[in-house]
Amino acid sequence: MRVLLRVLVPCTRVRVRLPGPGERGLWVVGDRLVGSGLHDPAYELRQERNGRTRILRRSRLRLTRSTTTTSSSRRRR
């Protein structure tokens, strides 16, 4: 089974899947790293609370809030 992962845009807020020491809380996505691959790209992340930076692969991230709203994400009445 193949799972499609969304491409993350800068300033999107994410959480880390199965966080290790120092990886809890909300993280803000920075730039995608060059040469990190198409299937599981790596992103530079900055922790919202204290500004710590990490580099993690997309498969370790959970999308919490997107900065852009699309028509498919709006609630219809």
Protein backbone atom coordinates (compact mmCIF):
# COMPACT_ATOMS: atom_id res chain seq x y z
CA MET A 1 0.00 0.00 0.00
CA ARG A 2 1.39 3.38 -0.96
CA VAL A 3 0.68 6.43 1.18
CA LEU A 4 0.81 9.90 -0.32
CA LEU A 5 2.29 12.59 1.92
CA ARG A 6 1.39 16.24 1.52
CA VAL A 7 4.11 18.67 0.64
CA LEU A 8 4.55 21.11 3.49
CA VAL A 9 4.78 24.84 2.88
CA PRO A 10 6.87 27.12 5.10
CA CYS A 11 5.18 28.38 8.30
CA THR A 12 2.91 25.30 8.60
CA ARG A 13 2.60 24.02 12.16
CA VAL A 14 3.26 20.31 12.77
CA ARG A 15 3.82 17.84 15.59
CA VAL A 16 6.36 15.02 15.61
CA ARG A 17 5.12 11.44 15.35
CA LEU A 18 6.52 9.33 18.23
CA PRO A 19 8.58 12.20 19.70
CA GLY A 20 11.96 11.55 21.23
CA PRO A 21 13.67 13.63 23.91
CA GLY A 22 13.22 17.34 23.16
CA GLU A 23 10.82 16.79 20.24
CA ARG A 24 7.45 17.43 21.93
CA GLY A 25 5.24 20.42 21.17
CA LEU A 26 4.46 22.43 18.06
CA TRP A 27 7.05 22.91 15.33
CA VAL A 28 7.03 25.44 12.49
CA VAL A 29 8.14 24.17 9.08
CA GLY A 30 10.98 26.05 7.42
CA ASP A 31 12.57 25.16 4.11
CA ARG A 32 12.66 21.77 2.44
CA LEU A 33 16.22 20.46 2.24
CA VAL A 34 17.76 20.15 -1.19
CA GLY A 35 18.57 16.59 -2.24
CA SER A 36 16.44 14.99 0.47
CA GLY A 37 14.40 12.88 -1.95
CA LEU A 38 10.95 13.03 -3.49
CA HIS A 39 9.22 10.21 -1.59
CA ASP A 40 10.14 11.27 1.95
CA PRO A 41 11.62 14.80 1.91
CA ALA A 42 13.38 16.33 4.92
CA TYR A 43 12.40 19.70 6.35
CA GLU A 44 14.06 22.18 8.65
CA LEU A 45 11.82 22.73 11.67
CA ARG A 46 11.83 25.37 14.42
CA GLN A 47 10.14 24.72 17.75
CA GLU A 48 7.49 27.36 18.44
CA ARG A 49 8.19 27.68 22.14
CA ASN A 50 11.96 28.13 22.33
CA GLY A 51 13.23 28.38 18.74
CA ARG A 52 15.24 25.13 18.76
CA THR A 53 15.84 23.76 15.25
CA ARG A 54 15.75 20.18 13.98
CA ILE A 55 15.81 18.45 10.61
CA LEU A 56 13.23 15.69 10.24
CA ARG A 57 11.71 13.62 7.44
CA ARG A 58 8.09 14.16 6.35
CA SER A 59 7.06 10.67 7.51
CA ARG A 60 7.81 11.67 11.13
CA LEU A 61 5.53 14.73 11.03
CA ARG A 62 1.79 15.14 11.71
CA LEU A 63 0.04 18.12 10.20
CA THR A 64 -1.84 20.11 12.84
CA ARG A 65 -2.71 23.45 11.27
CA SER A 66 -2.24 24.68 7.75
CA THR A 67 -1.51 28.33 7.03
CA THR A 68 -3.60 28.36 3.86
CA THR A 69 -7.28 27.51 3.63
CA THR A 70 -8.55 25.73 0.57
CA SER A 71 -12.11 25.26 -0.61
CA SER A 72 -11.97 21.56 0.28
CA SER A 73 -11.09 22.30 3.91
CA ARG A 74 -13.94 24.75 4.49
CA ARG A 75 -17.04 23.50 6.17
CA ARG A 76 -20.18 23.46 4.02
CA ARG A 77 -23.58 24.12 5.56
